[in-house]
Amino acid sequence: MITVVESEDDPRLDAFRWRDRQLASKLDRLEQVGAGLFVAEGDLVVQRALAAGCTPVALLCDEPMGTHFAQQLHDTTIYVGNENLRREVTGLGVPLKAVGLFRRPGLVDPAVLIRSSQRIVVAEALDNPTNLGAIIRSATALGWDGLLLTEGSADPLARRALRVSMGAGLQLPFARHENSLELHAMLQENNCATVALTPHRDAQDIHASSFPPEQKIALLLGSERDGLTADVLSRAHHQLRIPMFRDTDSLNVAAAAAIALFALGPR
């Protein structure tokens, strides 16, 4: 159902102004990560959210895109507004053709995700949503099966993470486990080789690493600032590094992850 809106102050558009903390807690006041709503920014990301089976609450579009989505979504309110209204309401500075408000998908059991995955990424306190979004996009494109997040990691469905991943966060299954020690025990119980990516000079060159095709692999990634903790590094089965030149100490975690995801990915 298309509804034309003319004022950026229209209270019916309030949800499109919410930040991530509000989106994750507004619906039913649930406290678990995974409750609430998320915003898909851009027509491609909106389409991927729909393709992933996410339930739309409302859309804000330009007229052509509103007409397009109205043909698919007969029971969803689709607000249509001009460029300035869409720019101001979303706070993005650009008038995207479509922005969608969706109910978040249900939580995934980390144990189930580990059992069903041959290649899995583990984000250890990876708190930057831009980096996380880029990593998710690479992992999805390079054939990895899932993502595990420990305490302190960003939300894959945060507005910026989802925008950077171009909606890949809706295609790559993810689960959260707040206890890193328990998570590593679960990985080992499921015969996952845990591989820590680190710039430390005593780590093995990633070019020299080799794993049997049937080996399950969990790639451990730390935050941009602190990297992996000494405790996580000590528990990992393998420590791998990407060789650096010209006195460069390390790469951005998203760039380093893309290299490792390709090197260790399925063949």
C-alpha atoms as a PDB file:
ATOM      1  CA  MET A   1       0.000   0.000   0.000  1.00  0.00           C
ATOM      2  CA  ILE A   2       1.542   3.311  -1.103  1.00  0.00           C
ATOM      3  CA  THR A   3       1.211   6.347   1.148  1.00  0.00           C
ATOM      4  CA  VAL A   4       2.564   9.706   0.015  1.00  0.00           C
ATOM      5  CA  VAL A   5       4.251  11.726   2.790  1.00  0.00           C
ATOM      6  CA  GLU A   6       5.097  15.399   2.437  1.00  0.00           C
ATOM      7  CA  SER A   7       6.646  16.397   5.778  1.00  0.00           C
ATOM      8  CA  GLU A   8       9.936  15.095   7.145  1.00  0.00           C
ATOM      9  CA  ASP A   9       8.430  15.548  10.632  1.00  0.00           C
ATOM     10  CA  ASP A  10       5.632  13.080   9.936  1.00  0.00           C
ATOM     11  CA  PRO A  11       5.591  10.798  13.035  1.00  0.00           C
ATOM     12  CA  ARG A  12       4.862   7.783  10.854  1.00  0.00           C
ATOM     13  CA  LEU A  13       8.489   8.025   9.683  1.00  0.00           C
ATOM     14  CA  ASP A  14      10.003   8.015  13.180  1.00  0.00           C
ATOM     15  CA  ALA A  15      11.308   4.448  12.940  1.00  0.00           C
ATOM     16  CA  PHE A  16      13.451   5.388   9.939  1.00  0.00           C
ATOM     17  CA  ARG A  17      15.255   7.895  12.182  1.00  0.00           C
ATOM     18  CA  TRP A  18      16.138   5.386  14.894  1.00  0.00           C
ATOM     19  CA  ARG A  19      19.757   4.497  15.491  1.00  0.00           C
ATOM     20  CA  ASP A  20      20.945   0.921  15.970  1.00  0.00           C
ATOM     21  CA  ARG A  21      20.480   0.852  19.757  1.00  0.00           C
ATOM     22  CA  GLN A  22      16.849   1.918  19.394  1.00  0.00           C
ATOM     23  CA  LEU A  23      16.179  -0.514  16.558  1.00  0.00           C
ATOM     24  CA  ALA A  24      17.488  -3.455  18.566  1.00  0.00           C
ATOM     25  CA  SER A  25      15.331  -2.727  21.591  1.00  0.00           C
ATOM     26  CA  LYS A  26      12.095  -1.110  20.445  1.00  0.00           C
ATOM     27  CA  LEU A  27      10.202  -4.234  19.448  1.00  0.00           C
ATOM     28  CA  ASP A  28       8.666  -5.893  22.524  1.00  0.00           C
ATOM     29  CA  ARG A  29      11.558  -4.538  24.636  1.00  0.00           C
ATOM     30  CA  LEU A  30      13.482  -7.786  24.150  1.00  0.00           C
ATOM     31  CA  GLU A  31      17.001  -7.648  25.506  1.00  0.00           C
ATOM     32  CA  GLN A  32      18.804 -10.306  23.468  1.00  0.00           C
ATOM     33  CA  VAL A  33      20.882  -9.318  20.476  1.00  0.00           C
ATOM     34  CA  GLY A  34      18.797 -10.346  17.502  1.00  0.00           C
ATOM     35  CA  ALA A  35      15.567  -8.895  18.869  1.00  0.00           C
ATOM     36  CA  GLY A  36      13.854  -5.904  17.337  1.00  0.00           C
ATOM     37  CA  LEU A  37      14.249  -4.286  13.958  1.00  0.00           C
ATOM     38  CA  PHE A  38      16.890  -3.447  11.397  1.00  0.00           C
ATOM     39  CA  VAL A  39      17.107  -0.956   8.554  1.00  0.00           C
ATOM     40  CA  ALA A  40      18.117  -1.937   5.017  1.00  0.00           C
ATOM     41  CA  GLU A  41      19.536   1.083   3.191  1.00  0.00           C
ATOM     42  CA  GLY A  42      19.375   1.108  -0.606  1.00  0.00           C
ATOM     43  CA  ASP A  43      17.147  -0.726  -3.058  1.00  0.00           C
ATOM     44  CA  LEU A  44      19.645  -3.587  -3.525  1.00  0.00           C
ATOM     45  CA  VAL A  45      19.895  -4.224   0.224  1.00  0.00           C
ATOM     46  CA  VAL A  46      16.107  -4.011   0.575  1.00  0.00           C
ATOM     47  CA  GLN A  47      15.723  -6.576  -2.204  1.00  0.00           C
ATOM     48  CA  ARG A  48      18.263  -8.879  -0.524  1.00  0.00           C
ATOM     49  CA  ALA A  49      16.428  -8.587   2.784  1.00  0.00           C
ATOM     50  CA  LEU A  50      13.221  -9.652   1.056  1.00  0.00           C
ATOM     51  CA  ALA A  51      15.015 -12.492  -0.732  1.00  0.00           C
ATOM     52  CA  ALA A  52      16.381 -13.670   2.629  1.00  0.00           C
ATOM     53  CA  GLY A  53      12.822 -13.978   3.922  1.00  0.00           C
ATOM     54  CA  CYS A  54      12.954 -11.037   6.331  1.00  0.00           C
ATOM     55  CA  THR A  55       9.573  -9.567   7.225  1.00  0.00           C
ATOM     56  CA  PRO A  56       9.145  -5.945   6.109  1.00  0.00           C
ATOM     57  CA  VAL A  57       7.488  -3.467   8.466  1.00  0.00           C
ATOM     58  CA  ALA A  58       7.557  -0.398   6.207  1.00  0.00           C
ATOM     59  CA  LEU A  59       9.502   1.085   3.291  1.00  0.00           C
ATOM     60  CA  LEU A  60      10.428   4.662   2.400  1.00  0.00           C
ATOM     61  CA  CYS A  61      11.003   5.084  -1.341  1.00  0.00           C
ATOM     62  CA  ASP A  62      10.971   7.377  -4.314  1.00  0.00           C
ATOM     63  CA  GLU A  63       7.927   7.000  -6.550  1.00  0.00           C
ATOM     64  CA  PRO A  64       9.340   4.520  -9.129  1.00  0.00           C
ATOM     65  CA  MET A  65      10.829   2.238  -6.473  1.00  0.00           C
ATOM     66  CA  GLY A  66       7.699   2.498  -4.349  1.00  0.00           C
ATOM     67  CA  THR A  67       5.622   1.344  -7.312  1.00  0.00           C
ATOM     68  CA  HIS A  68       8.079  -1.502  -7.918  1.00  0.00           C
ATOM     69  CA  PHE A  69       7.939  -2.825  -4.359  1.00  0.00           C
ATOM     70  CA  ALA A  70       4.172  -2.332  -4.098  1.00  0.00           C
ATOM     71  CA  GLN A  71       3.776  -5.042  -6.738  1.00  0.00           C
ATOM     72  CA  GLN A  72       5.525  -7.506  -4.381  1.00  0.00           C
ATOM     73  CA  LEU A  73       4.371  -6.295  -0.966  1.00  0.00           C
ATOM     74  CA  HIS A  74       0.601  -6.019  -0.853  1.00  0.00           C
ATOM     75  CA  ASP A  75       0.330  -5.845   2.954  1.00  0.00           C
ATOM     76  CA  THR A  76       3.281  -3.549   3.683  1.00  0.00           C
ATOM     77  CA  THR A  77       3.027   0.214   4.040  1.00  0.00           C
ATOM     78  CA  ILE A  78       5.260   1.929   1.490  1.00  0.00           C
ATOM     79  CA  TYR A  79       5.873   5.605   2.116  1.00  0.00           C
ATOM     80  CA  VAL A  80       6.798   7.708  -0.900  1.00  0.00           C
ATOM     81  CA  GLY A  81       8.550  11.040  -0.431  1.00  0.00           C
ATOM     82  CA  ASN A  82      10.690  13.523  -2.330  1.00  0.00           C
ATOM     83  CA  GLU A  83      14.499  13.631  -2.315  1.00  0.00           C
ATOM     84  CA  ASN A  84      14.863  16.177   0.462  1.00  0.00           C
ATOM     85  CA  LEU A  85      12.451  14.328   2.739  1.00  0.00           C
ATOM     86  CA  ARG A  86      14.250  11.010   2.268  1.00  0.00           C
ATOM     87  CA  ARG A  87      17.633  12.651   2.832  1.00  0.00           C
ATOM     88  CA  GLU A  88      16.562  14.350   6.057  1.00  0.00           C
ATOM     89  CA  VAL A  89      14.608  11.463   7.546  1.00  0.00           C
ATOM     90  CA  THR A  90      17.362   8.866   7.155  1.00  0.00           C
ATOM     91  CA  GLY A  91      20.194  11.229   8.066  1.00  0.00           C
ATOM     92  CA  LEU A  92      22.402   9.722   5.355  1.00  0.00           C
ATOM     93  CA  GLY A  93      22.977  12.899   3.381  1.00  0.00           C
ATOM     94  CA  VAL A  94      21.906  11.146   0.169  1.00  0.00           C
ATOM     95  CA  PRO A  95      18.330  10.433  -0.980  1.00  0.00           C
ATOM     96  CA  LEU A  96      18.410   6.661  -1.426  1.00  0.00           C
ATOM     97  CA  LYS A  97      15.768   5.224  -3.724  1.00  0.00           C
ATOM     98  CA  ALA A  98      14.591   2.820  -1.029  1.00  0.00           C
ATOM     99  CA  VAL A  99      15.063   2.253   2.688  1.00  0.00           C
ATOM    100  CA  GLY A 100      13.351  -0.646   4.424  1.00  0.00           C
ATOM    101  CA  LEU A 101      12.434  -1.286   8.048  1.00  0.00           C
ATOM    102  CA  PHE A 102      12.422  -5.031   8.774  1.00  0.00           C
ATOM    103  CA  ARG A 103      11.905  -7.389  11.680  1.00  0.00           C
ATOM    104  CA  ARG A 104      15.168  -9.048  12.622  1.00  0.00           C
ATOM    105  CA  PRO A 105      15.465 -12.765  11.868  1.00  0.00           C
ATOM    106  CA  GLY A 106      15.470 -15.238  14.735  1.00  0.00           C
ATOM    107  CA  LEU A 107      18.636 -16.017  16.649  1.00  0.00           C
ATOM    108  CA  VAL A 108      20.848 -18.843  15.380  1.00  0.00           C
ATOM    109  CA  ASP A 109      22.240 -21.451  17.782  1.00  0.00           C
ATOM    110  CA  PRO A 110      26.064 -21.264  17.573  1.00  0.00           C
ATOM    111  CA  ALA A 111      26.372 -25.020  18.112  1.00  0.00           C
ATOM    112  CA  VAL A 112      24.125 -25.690  15.116  1.00  0.00           C
ATOM    113  CA  LEU A 113      26.057 -23.211  12.969  1.00  0.00           C
ATOM    114  CA  ILE A 114      29.396 -24.800  13.893  1.00  0.00           C
ATOM    115  CA  ARG A 115      28.166 -28.308  13.105  1.00  0.00           C
ATOM    116  CA  SER A 116      26.811 -27.274   9.714  1.00  0.00           C
ATOM    117  CA  SER A 117      29.820 -25.184   8.601  1.00  0.00           C
ATOM    118  CA  GLN A 118      32.978 -26.304   6.839  1.00  0.00           C
ATOM    119  CA  ARG A 119      34.491 -22.805   6.846  1.00  0.00           C
ATOM    120  CA  ILE A 120      33.536 -20.340   9.576  1.00  0.00           C
ATOM    121  CA  VAL A 121      34.748 -16.865  10.564  1.00  0.00           C
ATOM    122  CA  VAL A 122      35.128 -16.002  14.250  1.00  0.00           C
ATOM    123  CA  ALA A 123      35.052 -12.284  15.109  1.00  0.00           C
ATOM    124  CA  GLU A 124      36.749 -11.823  18.483  1.00  0.00           C
ATOM    125  CA  ALA A 125      35.601  -8.473  19.932  1.00  0.00           C
ATOM    126  CA  LEU A 126      35.632  -7.001  16.414  1.00  0.00           C
ATOM    127  CA  ASP A 127      33.802  -3.814  17.284  1.00  0.00           C
ATOM    128  CA  ASN A 128      34.010  -1.719  14.103  1.00  0.00           C
ATOM    129  CA  PRO A 129      30.846  -2.152  11.975  1.00  0.00           C
ATOM    130  CA  THR A 130      32.588  -0.942   8.800  1.00  0.00           C
ATOM    131  CA  ASN A 131      35.296  -3.589   9.113  1.00  0.00           C
ATOM    132  CA  LEU A 132      32.754  -6.243  10.041  1.00  0.00           C
ATOM    133  CA  GLY A 133      30.601  -5.398   7.024  1.00  0.00           C
ATOM    134  CA  ALA A 134      33.583  -5.652   4.671  1.00  0.00           C
ATOM    135  CA  ILE A 135      34.602  -8.995   6.193  1.00  0.00           C
ATOM    136  CA  ILE A 136      31.070 -10.350   5.812  1.00  0.00           C
ATOM    137  CA  ARG A 137      30.993  -9.316   2.161  1.00  0.00           C
ATOM    138  CA  SER A 138      34.316 -11.083   1.505  1.00  0.00           C
ATOM    139  CA  ALA A 139      33.323 -14.211   3.432  1.00  0.00           C
ATOM    140  CA  THR A 140      30.051 -14.490   1.521  1.00  0.00           C
ATOM    141  CA  ALA A 141      31.703 -13.959  -1.857  1.00  0.00           C
ATOM    142  CA  LEU A 142      34.532 -16.419  -1.142  1.00  0.00           C
ATOM    143  CA  GLY A 143      32.352 -19.329  -0.093  1.00  0.00           C
ATOM    144  CA  TRP A 144      32.532 -19.312   3.702  1.00  0.00           C
ATOM    145  CA  ASP A 145      29.594 -20.802   5.561  1.00  0.00           C
ATOM    146  CA  GLY A 146      29.014 -18.717   8.675  1.00  0.00           C
ATOM    147  CA  LEU A 147      30.116 -16.108  11.188  1.00  0.00           C
ATOM    148  CA  LEU A 148      30.511 -16.362  14.956  1.00  0.00           C
ATOM    149  CA  LEU A 149      30.721 -13.236  17.097  1.00  0.00           C
ATOM    150  CA  THR A 150      32.094 -12.992  20.623  1.00  0.00           C
ATOM    151  CA  GLU A 151      31.378 -10.372  23.270  1.00  0.00           C
ATOM    152  CA  GLY A 152      32.144  -6.847  22.091  1.00  0.00           C
ATOM    153  CA  SER A 153      31.725  -7.563  18.385  1.00  0.00           C
ATOM    154  CA  ALA A 154      29.605  -5.281  16.221  1.00  0.00           C
ATOM    155  CA  ASP A 155      26.159  -6.240  14.960  1.00  0.00           C
ATOM    156  CA  PRO A 156      26.125  -7.626  11.380  1.00  0.00           C
ATOM    157  CA  LEU A 157      22.733  -5.963  10.893  1.00  0.00           C
ATOM    158  CA  ALA A 158      23.811  -2.554  12.170  1.00  0.00           C
ATOM    159  CA  ARG A 159      23.043   0.098   9.580  1.00  0.00           C
ATOM    160  CA  ARG A 160      26.667   0.715   8.600  1.00  0.00           C
ATOM    161  CA  ALA A 161      27.694  -2.953   8.667  1.00  0.00           C
ATOM    162  CA  LEU A 162      24.775  -3.935   6.464  1.00  0.00           C
ATOM    163  CA  ARG A 163      25.399  -1.034   4.100  1.00  0.00           C
ATOM    164  CA  VAL A 164      29.110  -1.898   3.712  1.00  0.00           C
ATOM    165  CA  SER A 165      28.355  -5.596   3.221  1.00  0.00           C
ATOM    166  CA  MET A 166      25.793  -4.665   0.533  1.00  0.00           C
ATOM    167  CA  GLY A 167      23.284  -6.911   2.257  1.00  0.00           C
ATOM    168  CA  ALA A 168      25.627  -9.904   2.521  1.00  0.00           C
ATOM    169  CA  GLY A 169      24.908  -9.937   6.255  1.00  0.00           C
ATOM    170  CA  LEU A 170      21.513 -11.326   5.285  1.00  0.00           C
ATOM    171  CA  GLN A 171      23.064 -14.157   3.268  1.00  0.00           C
ATOM    172  CA  LEU A 172      25.790 -15.332   5.679  1.00  0.00           C
ATOM    173  CA  PRO A 173      24.353 -17.098   8.754  1.00  0.00           C
ATOM    174  CA  PHE A 174      25.697 -15.679  12.001  1.00  0.00           C
ATOM    175  CA  ALA A 175      25.475 -16.459  15.696  1.00  0.00           C
ATOM    176  CA  ARG A 176      26.746 -14.835  18.864  1.00  0.00           C
ATOM    177  CA  HIS A 177      28.372 -16.481  21.885  1.00  0.00           C
ATOM    178  CA  GLU A 178      29.452 -14.182  24.695  1.00  0.00           C
ATOM    179  CA  ASN A 179      31.921 -16.653  26.247  1.00  0.00           C
ATOM    180  CA  SER A 180      35.004 -16.938  24.037  1.00  0.00           C
ATOM    181  CA  LEU A 181      36.432 -19.856  26.034  1.00  0.00           C
ATOM    182  CA  GLU A 182      33.266 -21.918  25.631  1.00  0.00           C
ATOM    183  CA  LEU A 183      33.097 -21.040  21.949  1.00  0.00           C
ATOM    184  CA  HIS A 184      36.625 -22.327  21.334  1.00  0.00           C
ATOM    185  CA  ALA A 185      35.762 -25.542  23.170  1.00  0.00           C
ATOM    186  CA  MET A 186      32.752 -26.000  20.873  1.00  0.00           C
ATOM    187  CA  LEU A 187      34.950 -25.471  17.803  1.00  0.00           C
ATOM    188  CA  GLN A 188      37.431 -28.087  18.981  1.00  0.00           C
ATOM    189  CA  GLU A 189      34.673 -30.556  19.839  1.00  0.00           C
ATOM    190  CA  ASN A 190      33.522 -30.251  16.219  1.00  0.00           C
ATOM    191  CA  ASN A 191      37.036 -30.890  14.843  1.00  0.00           C
ATOM    192  CA  CYS A 192      37.554 -27.331  13.607  1.00  0.00           C
ATOM    193  CA  ALA A 193      41.142 -26.262  13.054  1.00  0.00           C
ATOM    194  CA  THR A 194      41.266 -22.831  14.703  1.00  0.00           C
ATOM    195  CA  VAL A 195      43.467 -20.475  12.687  1.00  0.00           C
ATOM    196  CA  ALA A 196      44.447 -17.142  14.251  1.00  0.00           C
ATOM    197  CA  LEU A 197      45.367 -14.347  11.848  1.00  0.00           C
ATOM    198  CA  THR A 198      48.049 -12.178  13.448  1.00  0.00           C
ATOM    199  CA  PRO A 199      50.876  -9.833  12.390  1.00  0.00           C
ATOM    200  CA  HIS A 200      53.253 -11.429  14.908  1.00  0.00           C
ATOM    201  CA  ARG A 201      56.584 -12.293  13.315  1.00  0.00           C
ATOM    202  CA  ASP A 202      56.762 -15.738  14.896  1.00  0.00           C
ATOM    203  CA  ALA A 203      53.530 -16.820  13.164  1.00  0.00           C
ATOM    204  CA  GLN A 204      53.663 -19.045  10.085  1.00  0.00           C
ATOM    205  CA  ASP A 205      53.603 -17.397   6.656  1.00  0.00           C
ATOM    206  CA  ILE A 206      50.109 -17.892   5.226  1.00  0.00           C
ATOM    207  CA  HIS A 207      51.690 -18.915   1.888  1.00  0.00           C
ATOM    208  CA  ALA A 208      53.235 -21.941   3.617  1.00  0.00           C
ATOM    209  CA  SER A 209      50.021 -23.120   5.264  1.00  0.00           C
ATOM    210  CA  SER A 210      48.216 -26.168   3.959  1.00  0.00           C
ATOM    211  CA  PHE A 211      45.061 -27.959   5.078  1.00  0.00           C
ATOM    212  CA  PRO A 212      43.339 -31.064   3.710  1.00  0.00           C
ATOM    213  CA  PRO A 213      40.215 -30.175   1.683  1.00  0.00           C
ATOM    214  CA  GLU A 214      37.989 -31.961   4.196  1.00  0.00           C
ATOM    215  CA  GLN A 215      39.408 -30.086   7.200  1.00  0.00           C
ATOM    216  CA  LYS A 216      36.935 -27.786   8.944  1.00  0.00           C
ATOM    217  CA  ILE A 217      38.506 -24.350   9.513  1.00  0.00           C
ATOM    218  CA  ALA A 218      37.606 -21.508  11.869  1.00  0.00           C
ATOM    219  CA  LEU A 219      39.418 -18.255  11.036  1.00  0.00           C
ATOM    220  CA  LEU A 220      39.922 -16.079  14.135  1.00  0.00           C
ATOM    221  CA  LEU A 221      39.982 -12.308  13.607  1.00  0.00           C
ATOM    222  CA  GLY A 222      40.554  -9.598  16.210  1.00  0.00           C
ATOM    223  CA  SER A 223      39.762  -5.920  16.386  1.00  0.00           C
ATOM    224  CA  GLU A 224      41.580  -3.291  14.348  1.00  0.00           C
ATOM    225  CA  ARG A 225      43.129  -1.707  17.412  1.00  0.00           C
ATOM    226  CA  ASP A 226      44.064  -4.605  19.691  1.00  0.00           C
ATOM    227  CA  GLY A 227      44.029  -7.687  17.487  1.00  0.00           C
ATOM    228  CA  LEU A 228      43.569 -11.093  19.080  1.00  0.00           C
ATOM    229  CA  THR A 229      44.280 -11.428  22.787  1.00  0.00           C
ATOM    230  CA  ALA A 230      47.205 -13.515  24.024  1.00  0.00           C
ATOM    231  CA  ASP A 231      44.684 -15.976  25.465  1.00  0.00           C
ATOM    232  CA  VAL A 232      42.967 -16.495  22.106  1.00  0.00           C
ATOM    233  CA  LEU A 233      46.313 -16.814  20.308  1.00  0.00           C
ATOM    234  CA  SER A 234      47.510 -19.435  22.782  1.00  0.00           C
ATOM    235  CA  ARG A 235      44.361 -21.539  22.269  1.00  0.00           C
ATOM    236  CA  ALA A 236      44.499 -21.452  18.466  1.00  0.00           C
ATOM    237  CA  HIS A 237      45.781 -24.536  16.658  1.00  0.00           C
ATOM    238  CA  HIS A 238      47.606 -22.379  14.106  1.00  0.00           C
ATOM    239  CA  GLN A 239      48.885 -18.801  13.944  1.00  0.00           C
ATOM    240  CA  LEU A 240      49.239 -17.382  10.439  1.00  0.00           C
ATOM    241  CA  ARG A 241      50.585 -14.070   9.228  1.00  0.00           C
ATOM    242  CA  ILE A 242      50.540 -12.191   5.923  1.00  0.00           C
ATOM    243  CA  PRO A 243      54.107 -11.139   5.018  1.00  0.00           C
ATOM    244  CA  MET A 244      54.627  -7.369   4.923  1.00  0.00           C
ATOM    245  CA  PHE A 245      57.050  -5.228   2.913  1.00  0.00           C
ATOM    246  CA  ARG A 246      58.441  -1.663   3.097  1.00  0.00           C
ATOM    247  CA  ASP A 247      58.328  -1.558   6.903  1.00  0.00           C
ATOM    248  CA  THR A 248      54.537  -1.924   6.954  1.00  0.00           C
ATOM    249  CA  ASP A 249      53.527  -3.488  10.262  1.00  0.00           C
ATOM    250  CA  SER A 250      50.070  -4.760   9.301  1.00  0.00           C
ATOM    251  CA  LEU A 251      47.014  -4.404   7.081  1.00  0.00           C
ATOM    252  CA  ASN A 252      43.564  -3.169   7.973  1.00  0.00           C
ATOM    253  CA  VAL A 253      41.706  -6.136   9.462  1.00  0.00           C
ATOM    254  CA  ALA A 254      39.154  -6.193   6.633  1.00  0.00           C
ATOM    255  CA  ALA A 255      41.899  -6.260   3.971  1.00  0.00           C
ATOM    256  CA  ALA A 256      43.869  -8.917   5.853  1.00  0.00           C
ATOM    257  CA  ALA A 257      40.722 -10.981   6.328  1.00  0.00           C
ATOM    258  CA  ALA A 258      39.945 -10.914   2.594  1.00  0.00           C
ATOM    259  CA  ILE A 259      43.401 -12.327   1.823  1.00  0.00           C
ATOM    260  CA  ALA A 260      43.061 -15.062   4.447  1.00  0.00           C
ATOM    261  CA  LEU A 261      39.501 -15.912   3.426  1.00  0.00           C
ATOM    262  CA  PHE A 262      40.691 -16.470  -0.126  1.00  0.00           C
ATOM    263  CA  ALA A 263      43.818 -18.404   0.886  1.00  0.00           C
ATOM    264  CA  LEU A 264      41.956 -20.716   3.277  1.00  0.00           C
ATOM    265  CA  GLY A 265      38.622 -20.837   1.480  1.00  0.00           C
ATOM    266  CA  PRO A 266      36.984 -23.760  -0.310  1.00  0.00           C
ATOM    267  CA  ARG A 267      38.469 -24.935  -3.569  1.00  0.00           C
END
